[in-house]
Amino acid sequence: MLENEQEPAVNLLAIDTTSKISAVGLQAGKKRFQSVTKPEKSHSRDILPTIVELAEEADTSLTDLDAIVFGKGPGSFTGMRITVGVVQGLAYGLGIPVIPVSSLACLAQGEYRESGATDTLVVLSARKEEVYFGAYQMQGGCPDLVGEEGVLHASLVPPLEKLEWVGVGDGWGLRKELELAAGRQMKRISMEVSPQPQDLLDIGVVKLASGDIIDAMNALPEYLREKVAKKSQA
């Protein structure tokens, strides 16, 4: 259990299964409970029992939730679908809104929590030498997207402005191509990362306070390839 007196007293459930781990967090008032596991078989088998266990540990009911924050991707297609399915079912049944969060933004938040880095280029492996990418600058303790997220060949990621950038994500195995395209050498690289519950909750608290929420049935995974394809056809 984690407790932070500076946190607003809200009740949030956080779920992310877009990576190889299942990340589930629960904020009950100002207390936080979390579970980070690597499922032996599938996320779908473990996710609901984990949510129930956290609620019991927190001595609270899911009916007390204000909203559910979830990792919408990019990431594992199967994992994204599992997350969205669970979130839609729970939130609709409870009559509460949901808060979608980019998995790239969640990783930027995690780097900020770990190192204080305020400018991050998050890059995840897609296929072959293609990558999912997003550049972020911290604003008010939350990652603010610079430009757009996308999926491109590593040699084609957009250039960055002159700042001390930190590279985050497993896509940085292509560091040479990425730095050449971005026009910047990274101050540091953090590759062994995955979305964490406390980072989803941190972002969720800010979004909930600002009213950045959506109806449960509008929760969708973030398929960046389809998004890019639609823009190119427009």
Protein backbone atom coordinates (compact mmCIF):
# COMPACT_ATOMS: atom_id res chain seq x y z
CA MET A 1 0.00 0.00 0.00
CA LEU A 2 1.13 3.54 -0.82
CA GLU A 3 -0.20 6.70 0.78
CA ASN A 4 0.32 10.29 -0.32
CA GLU A 5 -1.26 13.09 1.68
CA GLN A 6 -0.87 15.43 -1.30
CA GLU A 7 -3.13 13.27 -3.50
CA PRO A 8 -6.78 14.32 -3.88
CA ALA A 9 -9.16 11.93 -2.13
CA VAL A 10 -10.67 10.12 -5.12
CA ASN A 11 -11.53 6.53 -5.92
CA LEU A 12 -9.95 5.27 -9.13
CA LEU A 13 -9.26 1.88 -10.67
CA ALA A 14 -6.35 1.67 -13.13
CA ILE A 15 -5.83 -1.15 -15.65
CA ASP A 16 -3.18 -1.77 -18.30
CA THR A 17 -2.52 -5.03 -20.16
CA THR A 18 -0.89 -3.56 -23.27
CA SER A 19 2.54 -5.01 -22.40
CA LYS A 20 3.76 -8.38 -21.11
CA ILE A 21 2.61 -7.51 -17.60
CA SER A 22 -0.77 -6.97 -16.01
CA ALA A 23 -0.75 -3.63 -14.19
CA VAL A 24 -3.69 -2.96 -11.88
CA GLY A 25 -3.95 -0.13 -9.38
CA LEU A 26 -6.61 1.11 -7.00
CA GLN A 27 -6.75 4.49 -5.31
CA ALA A 28 -9.18 4.54 -2.39
CA GLY A 29 -9.27 8.05 -0.98
CA LYS A 30 -5.59 8.88 -0.51
CA LYS A 31 -4.38 5.30 -0.24
CA ARG A 32 -3.10 3.31 -3.18
CA PHE A 33 -2.89 -0.41 -3.77
CA GLN A 34 -1.30 -2.06 -6.77
CA SER A 35 -0.47 -5.34 -8.46
CA VAL A 36 2.10 -5.87 -11.20
CA THR A 37 2.33 -9.43 -12.46
CA LYS A 38 3.46 -11.37 -15.50
CA PRO A 39 0.62 -13.77 -16.35
CA GLU A 40 1.64 -17.36 -17.03
CA LYS A 41 -1.05 -17.79 -19.70
CA SER A 42 -3.19 -14.75 -20.42
CA HIS A 43 -4.18 -11.38 -19.01
CA SER A 44 -7.87 -12.24 -19.26
CA ARG A 45 -7.55 -15.06 -16.72
CA ASP A 46 -5.92 -12.91 -14.03
CA ILE A 47 -7.29 -9.40 -14.41
CA LEU A 48 -10.71 -9.69 -12.71
CA PRO A 49 -9.49 -11.72 -9.69
CA THR A 50 -6.71 -9.16 -9.21
CA ILE A 51 -9.23 -6.30 -9.17
CA VAL A 52 -11.32 -8.12 -6.56
CA GLU A 53 -8.23 -8.79 -4.42
CA LEU A 54 -7.18 -5.13 -4.48
CA ALA A 55 -10.68 -3.99 -3.51
CA GLU A 56 -10.62 -6.41 -0.59
CA GLU A 57 -7.16 -5.24 0.45
CA ALA A 58 -8.34 -1.63 0.33
CA ASP A 59 -11.51 -2.57 2.26
CA THR A 60 -13.60 -0.77 -0.33
CA SER A 61 -16.26 -1.59 -2.90
CA LEU A 62 -16.07 -1.09 -6.64
CA THR A 63 -19.38 0.76 -6.32
CA ASP A 64 -17.40 3.57 -4.65
CA LEU A 65 -15.32 4.19 -7.78
CA ASP A 66 -15.42 7.63 -9.41
CA ALA A 67 -13.92 6.41 -12.70
CA ILE A 68 -11.69 3.79 -14.31
CA VAL A 69 -8.43 4.83 -15.98
CA PHE A 70 -6.96 2.46 -18.56
CA GLY A 71 -4.04 2.06 -20.92
CA LYS A 72 -5.46 2.33 -24.44
CA GLY A 73 -2.23 1.40 -26.24
CA PRO A 74 -0.34 1.22 -28.47
CA GLY A 75 0.83 -2.23 -27.50
CA SER A 76 -0.27 -5.84 -27.75
CA PHE A 77 -3.47 -6.02 -29.79
CA THR A 78 -4.79 -8.85 -27.62
CA GLY A 79 -3.84 -6.99 -24.45
CA MET A 80 -5.54 -3.80 -25.61
CA ARG A 81 -8.75 -5.65 -26.40
CA ILE A 82 -8.71 -7.37 -22.99
CA THR A 83 -8.26 -4.04 -21.19
CA VAL A 84 -11.04 -2.32 -23.12
CA GLY A 85 -13.42 -5.27 -22.67
CA VAL A 86 -12.92 -5.34 -18.91
CA VAL A 87 -13.15 -1.56 -18.60
CA GLN A 88 -16.33 -1.30 -20.66
CA GLY A 89 -18.03 -4.07 -18.73
CA LEU A 90 -17.12 -2.76 -15.29
CA ALA A 91 -17.69 0.94 -15.97
CA TYR A 92 -20.99 0.40 -17.77
CA GLY A 93 -22.27 -1.81 -14.98
CA LEU A 94 -21.20 0.70 -12.33
CA GLY A 95 -22.46 3.71 -14.29
CA ILE A 96 -19.14 5.55 -14.12
CA PRO A 97 -16.93 7.24 -16.76
CA VAL A 98 -13.58 6.07 -18.01
CA ILE A 99 -10.27 7.80 -18.65
CA PRO A 100 -8.19 6.55 -21.60
CA VAL A 101 -4.44 7.07 -21.31
CA SER A 102 -1.83 6.48 -23.99
CA SER A 103 0.60 3.74 -23.00
CA LEU A 104 3.36 5.97 -24.38
CA ALA A 105 2.28 8.81 -22.09
CA CYS A 106 2.19 6.39 -19.16
CA LEU A 107 5.83 5.48 -19.83
CA ALA A 108 6.76 9.17 -19.98
CA GLN A 109 5.05 9.63 -16.60
CA GLY A 110 7.02 6.69 -15.23
CA GLU A 111 10.33 8.16 -16.36
CA TYR A 112 9.41 11.46 -14.73
CA ARG A 113 8.60 9.64 -11.48
CA GLU A 114 11.84 7.66 -11.56
CA SER A 115 14.32 10.28 -12.71
CA GLY A 116 12.58 13.66 -12.89
CA ALA A 117 13.07 13.79 -16.69
CA THR A 118 10.71 16.38 -18.15
CA ASP A 119 11.36 15.82 -21.88
CA THR A 120 11.03 12.27 -23.19
CA LEU A 121 10.83 10.57 -26.54
CA VAL A 122 8.98 7.30 -25.95
CA VAL A 123 9.55 4.65 -28.60
CA LEU A 124 8.16 1.11 -28.67
CA SER A 125 8.99 -1.62 -31.16
CA ALA A 126 6.25 -2.21 -33.73
CA ARG A 127 7.52 -4.61 -36.41
CA LYS A 128 10.84 -4.95 -38.19
CA GLU A 129 12.31 -1.42 -37.97
CA GLU A 130 9.00 0.36 -37.43
CA VAL A 131 8.25 1.98 -34.10
CA TYR A 132 5.42 3.58 -32.16
CA PHE A 133 6.57 6.97 -30.94
CA GLY A 134 5.48 9.99 -28.96
CA ALA A 135 7.39 13.00 -27.59
CA TYR A 136 6.31 14.40 -24.24
CA GLN A 137 7.02 17.40 -22.06
CA MET A 138 5.82 17.45 -18.46
CA GLN A 139 3.26 20.14 -17.70
CA GLY A 140 1.79 20.39 -14.21
CA GLY A 141 3.17 16.97 -13.30
CA CYS A 142 1.53 15.29 -16.30
CA PRO A 143 2.92 14.41 -19.77
CA ASP A 144 1.85 16.77 -22.55
CA LEU A 145 2.13 15.39 -26.08
CA VAL A 146 4.39 17.33 -28.47
CA GLY A 147 3.03 16.96 -32.00
CA GLU A 148 1.34 13.59 -32.54
CA GLU A 149 1.84 9.96 -31.69
CA GLY A 150 2.47 7.73 -34.66
CA VAL A 151 4.00 4.63 -36.17
CA LEU A 152 6.81 4.96 -38.70
CA HIS A 153 10.10 3.47 -39.77
CA ALA A 154 12.68 4.45 -37.15
CA SER A 155 14.53 6.59 -39.69
CA LEU A 156 11.43 8.74 -40.26
CA VAL A 157 10.43 9.89 -36.77
CA PRO A 158 9.95 13.68 -36.63
CA PRO A 159 12.78 15.99 -35.53
CA LEU A 160 12.84 17.27 -31.95
CA GLU A 161 13.41 20.78 -30.66
CA LYS A 162 16.68 21.56 -28.89
CA LEU A 163 16.20 20.22 -25.37
CA GLU A 164 17.79 17.56 -23.17
CA TRP A 165 15.69 14.58 -24.24
CA VAL A 166 15.59 11.17 -22.57
CA GLY A 167 14.76 8.10 -24.65
CA VAL A 168 12.24 5.65 -23.16
CA GLY A 169 11.02 2.27 -24.40
CA ASP A 170 12.20 -0.94 -26.05
CA GLY A 171 12.28 0.71 -29.48
CA TRP A 172 15.57 2.36 -28.54
CA GLY A 173 17.40 -0.72 -29.74
CA LEU A 174 17.37 1.34 -32.96
CA ARG A 175 19.09 4.27 -31.26
CA LYS A 176 21.33 5.24 -34.17
CA GLU A 177 18.45 5.57 -36.64
CA LEU A 178 16.20 7.31 -34.13
CA GLU A 179 18.73 9.92 -33.02
CA LEU A 180 19.67 10.68 -36.61
CA ALA A 181 16.02 11.22 -37.55
CA ALA A 182 15.21 13.22 -34.41
CA GLY A 183 18.32 15.35 -34.84
CA ARG A 184 19.15 14.97 -31.15
CA GLN A 185 21.32 12.71 -29.04
CA MET A 186 19.53 11.39 -26.02
CA LYS A 187 20.79 12.35 -22.58
CA ARG A 188 19.94 8.86 -21.39
CA ILE A 189 18.07 5.75 -22.51
CA SER A 190 15.63 3.68 -20.41
CA MET A 191 14.62 0.55 -22.33
CA GLU A 192 13.44 -1.92 -19.67
CA VAL A 193 10.13 -0.24 -18.92
CA SER A 194 6.42 -1.06 -18.87
CA PRO A 195 3.27 0.84 -17.87
CA GLN A 196 2.90 0.97 -14.07
CA PRO A 197 -0.29 1.39 -12.00
CA GLN A 198 0.91 4.43 -10.05
CA ASP A 199 1.63 6.30 -13.27
CA LEU A 200 -1.82 5.54 -14.67
CA LEU A 201 -3.31 6.74 -11.39
CA ASP A 202 -1.22 9.93 -11.41
CA ILE A 203 -2.47 10.81 -14.89
CA GLY A 204 -5.99 9.67 -14.06
CA VAL A 205 -6.25 11.96 -11.03
CA VAL A 206 -5.30 14.99 -13.16
CA LYS A 207 -7.67 14.06 -15.99
CA LEU A 208 -10.56 13.39 -13.63
CA ALA A 209 -10.08 16.79 -11.97
CA SER A 210 -10.13 18.52 -15.36
CA GLY A 211 -13.18 16.61 -16.59
CA ASP A 212 -11.19 14.78 -19.27
CA ILE A 213 -13.42 11.68 -19.16
CA ILE A 214 -15.56 9.70 -21.61
CA ASP A 215 -18.54 7.38 -21.50
CA ALA A 216 -17.70 3.72 -20.87
CA MET A 217 -19.06 2.53 -24.22
CA ASN A 218 -16.78 4.98 -26.05
CA ALA A 219 -13.67 3.29 -24.66
CA LEU A 220 -11.56 2.04 -27.55
CA PRO A 221 -8.05 0.67 -28.07
CA GLU A 222 -5.53 2.92 -29.81
CA TYR A 223 -4.65 1.31 -33.13
CA LEU A 224 -2.11 3.82 -34.37
CA ARG A 225 -1.72 2.09 -37.75
CA GLU A 226 -5.40 2.56 -38.53
CA LYS A 227 -5.28 6.16 -37.28
CA VAL A 228 -2.34 6.99 -39.53
CA ALA A 229 -3.93 5.21 -42.50
CA LYS A 230 -7.16 7.19 -42.13
CA LYS A 231 -5.25 10.49 -42.04
CA SER A 232 -3.28 9.61 -45.15
CA GLN A 233 -6.54 8.88 -47.00
CA ALA A 234 -8.23 12.10 -45.88
